[in-house]
Amino acid sequence: MRADNPQSSLVKVTPWIIDTTLRDGEQAPGVVFSASEKTAIASLLADAGVHELEIGYPAISHEEQEIIRKIVALHLPVRLTSWARAKWDDVEAAAASGTEAVHISFPLSALYLMLMEKDYGWVQRQLQELVPKAKKYFNIVSVGAQDATRAEPELLNLFLLDATACGADRIRIADTVGIATPLSIMRLVGALQAVSPTALEFHAHNDLGMATANALTALEAGCQAVSVSVTGIGERAGNAALEELAIALTLSETFQTTIDSRKLSTLCSVVSKASGRVIQDQKPVVGKSAFQHESGIHCAALLKNPLSYQPFLPDQIGRDNYELVIGKHSGSASLQHYYSGRGINITKSEASHLLAVVRTTASEKKRALHPDELDTLYSTHFTNHENHRA
């Protein structure tokens, strides 16, 4: 039988999701996770269905190595990766930490090479030395091109060829300063796929507010993997957000995901508390305002169908039901719904009369009204109304 929907016959792709909350996320200024917080976050990420965790930078200290070994000892059902600079000492420290995989980062743009007082010949030599040696200690060796989106295209192509020749299992294309746009990523990934058959990963930063869009576009363009962080935590404006990408994949007609989105709210709350970074009300997916509604037109439609003004339902990320906020822009249907929840039934006509008072009060207070204020307005309005009729 022919499918009515042409999309239904397509096989959906499952992208490889790498979470870097415990490495790049902790590099956010002022953020330090304790050992217990790191193990708790790692466990929650594994339980949520993330494929791979980049759990730290072992060469930074013996304490960091010990924390990484504690996470390794949990035997989580997820690949664990250590991060290293293009130095054998760093790779050795990663091997001592016991992770299954290592990611080795190389400077590639002209600016980064100049800052390190290196040239591309040095990058080639380090690739040729480090990757084959690392493969003796790790099941997976990933290499990364730092500042790839500002590197010369010819040099980036050469890096891919050299990394492939040395046996790298995956190549990270890093938008280190977050200057990419979806169209530029579409072009870049398309071009790089023609250069090398090695799996590509895209690592996005959010300096222009496009990290999640760029990560999704990279997957659409053919990248097999992307790295993300919980709530997008990371240096400067952060990284692509795990929870945003997970929901985008869930809603996609092209992709599917192993991530259990119902566990995202708890995960984000734990990371927020551990990092001391408050989740802003308007944060996509997990912010308080993501499921709050005030507009009368919107609320009336939501009461008939909750998907009318929501792309997905709150329970998909482990949240309670949406909230109708009563304020300046509310309509009579919202008032009837609110008071019905308080055990008070009012007619549409009564709601319309009360609505004028609600809007005036909300305008004067420059905010939505609290339950006790709404109760007071109801009592005052209808008491006065009854007295007037008498």
Protein backbone atom coordinates (compact mmCIF):
# COMPACT_ATOMS: atom_id res chain seq x y z
CA MET A 1 0.00 0.00 0.00
CA ARG A 2 1.32 3.44 -0.93
CA ALA A 3 1.91 5.78 2.02
CA ASP A 4 -0.26 8.89 2.01
CA ASN A 5 2.64 10.94 3.32
CA PRO A 6 5.77 10.72 1.11
CA GLN A 7 7.92 11.50 4.18
CA SER A 8 6.68 8.39 5.97
CA SER A 9 8.68 6.13 3.63
CA LEU A 10 11.97 7.91 4.41
CA VAL A 11 14.40 6.37 6.87
CA LYS A 12 15.20 8.93 9.54
CA VAL A 13 18.83 9.58 10.47
CA THR A 14 19.98 9.44 14.11
CA PRO A 15 22.79 12.01 14.59
CA TRP A 16 25.56 11.34 17.10
CA ILE A 17 25.17 13.78 19.99
CA ILE A 18 28.25 14.74 22.00
CA ASP A 19 27.69 16.70 25.19
CA THR A 20 30.51 18.96 26.35
CA THR A 21 28.89 20.47 29.46
CA LEU A 22 31.60 19.03 31.70
CA ARG A 23 34.43 20.35 29.53
CA ASP A 24 33.49 23.36 27.40
CA GLY A 25 30.56 24.19 29.69
CA GLU A 26 32.82 24.42 32.72
CA GLN A 27 35.07 26.82 30.78
CA ALA A 28 32.33 29.44 31.09
CA PRO A 29 33.72 32.26 33.26
CA GLY A 30 33.21 31.66 36.95
CA VAL A 31 31.80 28.13 36.58
CA VAL A 32 33.30 25.29 38.61
CA PHE A 33 31.63 21.92 39.04
CA SER A 34 32.47 19.84 42.10
CA ALA A 35 33.33 16.16 41.73
CA SER A 36 29.87 15.12 42.97
CA GLU A 37 28.18 17.57 40.60
CA LYS A 38 30.19 16.25 37.66
CA THR A 39 29.31 12.64 38.39
CA ALA A 40 25.64 13.55 38.88
CA ILE A 41 25.51 15.50 35.61
CA ALA A 42 27.29 12.72 33.72
CA SER A 43 24.79 10.17 35.05
CA LEU A 44 21.82 12.34 34.08
CA LEU A 45 23.22 12.91 30.58
CA ALA A 46 23.74 9.18 30.07
CA ASP A 47 20.24 8.46 31.38
CA ALA A 48 18.82 11.05 28.98
CA GLY A 49 20.27 9.16 26.02
CA VAL A 50 23.24 11.30 24.93
CA HIS A 51 25.73 9.22 22.93
CA GLU A 52 29.04 10.69 24.06
CA LEU A 53 30.28 12.88 26.92
CA GLU A 54 33.35 15.07 26.66
CA ILE A 55 34.02 15.03 30.38
CA GLY A 56 37.10 17.13 30.93
CA TYR A 57 40.62 18.27 30.20
CA PRO A 58 42.88 15.87 32.15
CA ALA A 59 46.12 17.80 31.64
CA ILE A 60 44.79 20.76 33.62
CA SER A 61 45.43 19.04 36.99
CA HIS A 62 45.71 15.77 38.86
CA GLU A 63 42.38 16.64 40.52
CA GLU A 64 40.73 16.80 37.10
CA GLN A 65 42.17 13.41 36.20
CA GLU A 66 40.80 11.95 39.42
CA ILE A 67 37.31 13.32 38.75
CA ILE A 68 37.40 11.88 35.23
CA ARG A 69 38.46 8.48 36.60
CA LYS A 70 35.49 8.59 39.01
CA ILE A 71 33.12 9.16 36.10
CA VAL A 72 34.78 6.36 34.13
CA ALA A 73 34.30 4.06 37.16
CA LEU A 74 30.53 4.58 36.95
CA HIS A 75 30.50 2.44 33.76
CA LEU A 76 27.80 4.57 32.20
CA PRO A 77 26.22 3.35 28.94
CA VAL A 78 27.82 6.17 26.97
CA ARG A 79 31.16 6.91 25.31
CA LEU A 80 33.46 9.03 27.48
CA THR A 81 35.99 11.38 25.90
CA SER A 82 38.88 13.47 27.24
CA TRP A 83 40.05 16.70 25.63
CA ALA A 84 43.70 17.40 24.81
CA ARG A 85 45.84 19.99 23.14
CA ALA A 86 48.13 18.90 20.32
CA LYS A 87 50.81 17.80 22.80
CA TRP A 88 51.81 14.28 23.76
CA ASP A 89 51.80 15.20 27.46
CA ASP A 90 48.10 16.08 27.14
CA VAL A 91 47.32 12.83 25.34
CA GLU A 92 49.21 10.86 28.00
CA ALA A 93 47.20 12.56 30.73
CA ALA A 94 44.03 11.62 28.86
CA ALA A 95 45.18 8.01 28.60
CA ALA A 96 45.86 7.95 32.34
CA SER A 97 42.31 9.14 33.01
CA GLY A 98 40.88 6.00 31.45
CA THR A 99 38.40 7.39 28.91
CA GLU A 100 37.53 5.34 25.83
CA ALA A 101 38.14 8.27 23.47
CA VAL A 102 40.29 11.38 23.16
CA HIS A 103 39.77 14.59 21.25
CA ILE A 104 42.96 16.37 20.16
CA SER A 105 42.56 20.03 19.24
CA PHE A 106 44.74 21.78 16.64
CA PRO A 107 44.95 25.51 15.80
CA LEU A 108 44.11 26.07 12.15
CA SER A 109 43.26 29.65 11.28
CA ALA A 110 46.09 32.00 10.38
CA LEU A 111 45.36 34.00 13.55
CA TYR A 112 45.55 31.00 15.86
CA LEU A 113 48.72 29.67 14.23
CA MET A 114 50.31 33.10 14.62
CA LEU A 115 49.27 33.33 18.28
CA MET A 116 50.91 29.96 18.95
CA GLU A 117 53.93 30.87 16.82
CA LYS A 118 53.37 27.78 14.65
CA ASP A 119 52.81 27.08 10.98
CA TYR A 120 50.84 24.39 9.19
CA GLY A 121 53.94 22.26 8.86
CA TRP A 122 53.87 21.91 12.66
CA VAL A 123 50.19 20.87 12.53
CA GLN A 124 51.06 18.16 9.98
CA ARG A 125 53.90 16.83 12.09
CA GLN A 126 51.76 16.75 15.23
CA LEU A 127 48.99 14.92 13.41
CA GLN A 128 51.45 12.36 12.10
CA GLU A 129 52.95 11.82 15.55
CA LEU A 130 49.96 12.07 17.88
CA VAL A 131 47.11 10.31 16.08
CA PRO A 132 48.85 6.94 15.45
CA LYS A 133 50.28 6.90 18.99
CA ALA A 134 46.91 7.85 20.52
CA LYS A 135 45.19 5.02 18.66
CA LYS A 136 47.27 2.57 20.70
CA TYR A 137 45.58 3.85 23.87
CA PHE A 138 42.07 4.85 22.74
CA ASN A 139 39.29 3.17 20.79
CA ILE A 140 38.33 6.49 19.20
CA VAL A 141 40.62 9.38 18.30
CA SER A 142 38.95 12.59 17.25
CA VAL A 143 40.85 15.63 15.99
CA GLY A 144 39.61 19.19 15.88
CA ALA A 145 40.26 22.23 13.73
CA GLN A 146 40.13 25.24 16.04
CA ASP A 147 38.72 28.39 14.45
CA ALA A 148 37.87 26.39 11.33
CA THR A 149 35.26 28.89 10.19
CA ARG A 150 37.95 31.58 9.92
CA ALA A 151 40.59 29.30 8.38
CA GLU A 152 41.58 29.42 4.71
CA PRO A 153 39.48 26.84 2.83
CA GLU A 154 42.57 25.28 1.22
CA LEU A 155 44.18 24.81 4.63
CA LEU A 156 41.02 23.29 6.09
CA ASN A 157 40.84 20.86 3.16
CA LEU A 158 44.47 19.91 3.72
CA PHE A 159 43.81 19.35 7.43
CA LEU A 160 40.99 16.93 6.59
CA LEU A 161 43.21 15.02 4.17
CA ASP A 162 46.11 14.84 6.63
CA ALA A 163 43.87 13.83 9.55
CA THR A 164 42.30 11.09 7.43
CA ALA A 165 45.71 9.82 6.30
CA CYS A 166 46.86 9.64 9.94
CA GLY A 167 43.85 7.51 10.92
CA ALA A 168 41.60 9.99 12.76
CA ASP A 169 38.16 8.52 13.43
CA ARG A 170 36.34 11.87 13.39
CA ILE A 171 37.15 15.48 12.53
CA ARG A 172 35.66 18.38 14.47
CA ILE A 173 34.90 21.58 12.59
CA ALA A 174 34.86 24.26 15.27
CA ASP A 175 33.11 27.60 14.91
CA THR A 176 35.26 28.77 17.79
CA VAL A 177 34.12 32.39 17.88
CA GLY A 178 30.55 31.80 16.70
CA ILE A 179 30.66 33.75 13.44
CA ALA A 180 29.00 31.15 11.21
CA THR A 181 25.48 31.35 9.81
CA PRO A 182 23.29 28.47 8.63
CA LEU A 183 23.95 29.23 4.97
CA SER A 184 27.71 29.42 5.48
CA ILE A 185 27.64 26.10 7.37
CA MET A 186 25.58 24.48 4.64
CA ARG A 187 28.19 25.51 2.07
CA LEU A 188 31.18 24.62 4.25
CA VAL A 189 30.01 21.14 5.26
CA GLY A 190 28.93 20.37 1.71
CA ALA A 191 32.38 21.26 0.42
CA LEU A 192 34.22 19.32 3.15
CA GLN A 193 32.28 16.14 2.53
CA ALA A 194 33.76 16.02 -0.93
CA VAL A 195 37.28 16.23 0.52
CA SER A 196 37.35 13.30 2.92
CA PRO A 197 35.17 10.30 3.87
CA THR A 198 36.04 10.70 7.58
CA ALA A 199 33.08 11.45 9.84
CA LEU A 200 32.58 15.16 10.51
CA GLU A 201 31.47 16.78 13.74
CA PHE A 202 30.37 20.40 14.07
CA HIS A 203 31.08 22.38 17.24
CA ALA A 204 29.06 25.60 17.47
CA HIS A 205 29.40 28.71 19.62
CA ASN A 206 26.56 31.15 20.18
CA ASP A 207 28.17 34.59 19.83
CA LEU A 208 25.61 35.65 17.20
CA GLY A 209 22.75 33.63 18.69
CA MET A 210 22.87 31.00 15.94
CA ALA A 211 24.60 28.04 17.60
CA THR A 212 21.65 25.66 17.70
CA ALA A 213 20.54 26.66 14.20
CA ASN A 214 24.07 26.13 12.93
CA ALA A 215 24.33 22.74 14.64
CA LEU A 216 21.06 21.57 13.11
CA THR A 217 22.10 22.91 9.70
CA ALA A 218 25.42 21.07 9.95
CA LEU A 219 23.50 17.84 10.46
CA GLU A 220 21.21 18.64 7.56
CA ALA A 221 24.28 19.31 5.41
CA GLY A 222 25.75 15.90 6.23
CA CYS A 223 27.71 16.09 9.49
CA GLN A 224 27.40 12.85 11.40
CA ALA A 225 27.87 14.45 14.83
CA VAL A 226 27.46 17.70 16.73
CA SER A 227 28.63 18.81 20.15
CA VAL A 228 26.26 20.62 22.50
CA SER A 229 25.96 21.60 26.16
CA VAL A 230 23.09 21.68 28.65
CA THR A 231 21.37 25.11 28.52
CA GLY A 232 24.07 26.09 25.99
CA ILE A 233 26.50 26.82 28.83
CA GLY A 234 30.01 27.64 27.65
CA GLU A 235 32.52 30.36 26.95
CA ARG A 236 31.20 33.86 26.20
CA ALA A 237 27.65 33.44 24.84
CA GLY A 238 27.87 29.66 25.12
CA ASN A 239 27.41 26.68 22.83
CA ALA A 240 24.58 25.00 20.97
CA ALA A 241 22.00 23.95 23.58
CA LEU A 242 21.33 20.25 24.04
CA GLU A 243 17.68 20.75 24.95
CA GLU A 244 17.00 23.00 21.94
CA LEU A 245 18.65 20.63 19.48
CA ALA A 246 16.94 17.59 21.02
CA ILE A 247 13.49 19.09 20.53
CA ALA A 248 14.37 20.26 17.01
CA LEU A 249 15.38 16.68 16.16
CA THR A 250 12.20 15.33 17.77
CA LEU A 251 10.06 17.60 15.58
CA SER A 252 12.11 16.97 12.43
CA GLU A 253 10.87 14.94 9.48
CA THR A 254 14.47 14.04 8.63
CA PHE A 255 16.01 13.06 11.96
CA GLN A 256 15.26 11.03 15.03
CA THR A 257 17.02 11.07 18.37
CA THR A 258 17.77 8.74 21.25
CA ILE A 259 17.46 11.60 23.74
CA ASP A 260 14.54 11.28 26.16
CA SER A 261 13.28 14.84 26.05
CA ARG A 262 11.11 14.29 29.15
CA LYS A 263 14.31 14.35 31.22
CA LEU A 264 15.55 17.69 29.89
CA SER A 265 13.92 19.99 32.44
CA THR A 266 15.48 18.15 35.39
CA LEU A 267 18.85 18.00 33.65
CA CYS A 268 18.81 21.73 32.89
CA SER A 269 17.81 22.56 36.47
CA VAL A 270 20.68 20.49 37.89
CA VAL A 271 23.23 22.16 35.60
CA SER A 272 21.79 25.59 36.32
CA LYS A 273 22.14 25.07 40.07
CA ALA A 274 25.63 23.58 39.81
CA SER A 275 26.89 26.37 37.54
CA GLY A 276 25.18 29.23 39.36
CA ARG A 277 23.72 30.32 36.02
CA VAL A 278 20.01 31.15 36.23
CA ILE A 279 17.84 29.91 33.36
CA GLN A 280 16.33 33.04 31.83
CA ASP A 281 12.54 33.14 31.62
CA GLN A 282 12.58 33.41 27.82
CA LYS A 283 15.14 30.63 27.33
CA PRO A 284 13.85 28.41 24.52
CA VAL A 285 12.43 25.02 25.52
CA VAL A 286 13.15 25.17 29.29
CA GLY A 287 12.57 28.82 30.25
CA LYS A 288 9.64 29.68 32.52
CA SER A 289 7.98 31.74 29.78
CA ALA A 290 8.22 28.97 27.16
CA PHE A 291 4.77 27.72 28.20
CA GLN A 292 3.19 30.91 29.54
CA HIS A 293 0.50 32.69 27.54
CA GLU A 294 -1.35 35.96 28.04
CA SER A 295 -2.78 37.10 24.69
CA GLY A 296 -6.53 36.61 24.62
CA ILE A 297 -6.49 35.27 21.07
CA HIS A 298 -3.77 32.76 21.91
CA CYS A 299 -5.34 31.61 25.16
CA ALA A 300 -8.77 31.08 23.63
CA ALA A 301 -7.19 28.89 20.94
CA LEU A 302 -5.03 27.00 23.44
CA LEU A 303 -8.09 26.05 25.47
CA LYS A 304 -9.44 24.37 22.34
CA ASN A 305 -6.15 22.86 21.14
CA PRO A 306 -2.89 23.19 23.14
CA LEU A 307 -0.81 22.89 19.95
CA SER A 308 -2.41 25.97 18.42
CA TYR A 309 0.24 28.28 19.86
CA GLN A 310 2.85 25.78 21.07
CA PRO A 311 5.23 23.76 18.87
CA PHE A 312 5.22 20.89 21.37
CA LEU A 313 3.53 20.05 24.65
CA PRO A 314 5.12 20.77 28.05
CA ASP A 315 5.14 17.11 29.06
CA GLN A 316 7.56 16.39 26.21
CA ILE A 317 10.28 18.02 28.30
CA GLY A 318 9.00 16.87 31.68
CA ARG A 319 7.11 20.05 32.49
CA ASP A 320 3.63 20.53 33.91
CA ASN A 321 0.84 21.97 31.79
CA TYR A 322 1.04 25.38 30.13
CA GLU A 323 0.05 28.45 32.15
CA LEU A 324 -2.46 31.11 31.18
CA VAL A 325 -1.26 34.42 32.62
CA ILE A 326 -3.90 37.05 33.39
CA GLY A 327 -2.87 40.57 32.44
CA LYS A 328 -3.33 43.50 30.10
CA HIS A 329 -3.69 41.33 26.98
CA SER A 330 -5.99 38.66 28.42
CA GLY A 331 -9.41 37.84 27.03
CA SER A 332 -12.69 36.75 28.58
CA ALA A 333 -12.06 33.05 27.88
CA SER A 334 -8.90 33.20 30.00
CA LEU A 335 -10.81 34.79 32.88
CA GLN A 336 -13.54 32.15 32.71
CA HIS A 337 -10.90 29.42 32.68
CA TYR A 338 -8.99 30.96 35.60
CA TYR A 339 -12.01 31.38 37.86
CA SER A 340 -13.36 27.97 36.91
CA GLY A 341 -10.11 26.52 38.28
CA ARG A 342 -10.89 28.36 41.53
CA GLY A 343 -14.35 26.79 41.66
CA ILE A 344 -16.09 29.97 40.46
CA ASN A 345 -18.22 29.89 37.31
CA ILE A 346 -18.80 33.22 35.58
CA THR A 347 -20.62 33.89 32.35
CA LYS A 348 -18.97 35.35 29.27
CA SER A 349 -20.82 38.59 29.90
CA GLU A 350 -19.56 38.75 33.50
CA ALA A 351 -16.04 37.99 32.33
CA SER A 352 -16.23 40.81 29.78
CA HIS A 353 -17.26 43.29 32.48
CA LEU A 354 -14.47 42.16 34.81
CA LEU A 355 -11.93 42.16 31.98
CA ALA A 356 -11.90 45.95 31.76
CA VAL A 357 -10.93 46.18 35.43
CA VAL A 358 -8.28 43.48 35.02
CA ARG A 359 -6.68 45.26 32.06
CA THR A 360 -6.67 48.63 33.82
CA THR A 361 -5.14 47.16 36.98
CA ALA A 362 -2.48 45.23 35.02
CA SER A 363 -1.57 48.37 33.07
CA GLU A 364 -1.18 50.37 36.27
CA LYS A 365 1.00 47.66 37.84
CA LYS A 366 2.92 47.06 34.58
CA ARG A 367 2.74 43.28 35.03
CA ALA A 368 0.47 40.27 35.11
CA LEU A 369 -1.81 39.93 38.11
CA HIS A 370 -1.28 37.53 41.00
CA PRO A 371 -3.99 35.07 42.14
CA ASP A 372 -4.75 37.04 45.32
CA GLU A 373 -5.20 40.22 43.25
CA LEU A 374 -7.55 38.46 40.87
CA ASP A 375 -9.56 37.09 43.78
CA THR A 376 -9.81 40.57 45.25
CA LEU A 377 -10.89 42.08 41.93
CA TYR A 378 -13.58 39.45 41.56
CA SER A 379 -14.93 39.96 45.06
CA THR A 380 -14.85 43.75 44.79
CA HIS A 381 -16.34 43.91 41.31
CA PHE A 382 -19.24 41.55 41.91
CA THR A 383 -19.95 42.85 45.43
CA ASN A 384 -20.16 46.37 44.04
CA HIS A 385 -22.24 45.11 41.13
CA GLU A 386 -24.73 43.41 43.44
CA ASN A 387 -24.92 46.48 45.69
CA HIS A 388 -25.59 48.66 42.63
CA ARG A 389 -28.40 46.34 41.49
CA ALA A 390 -29.89 46.41 45.00
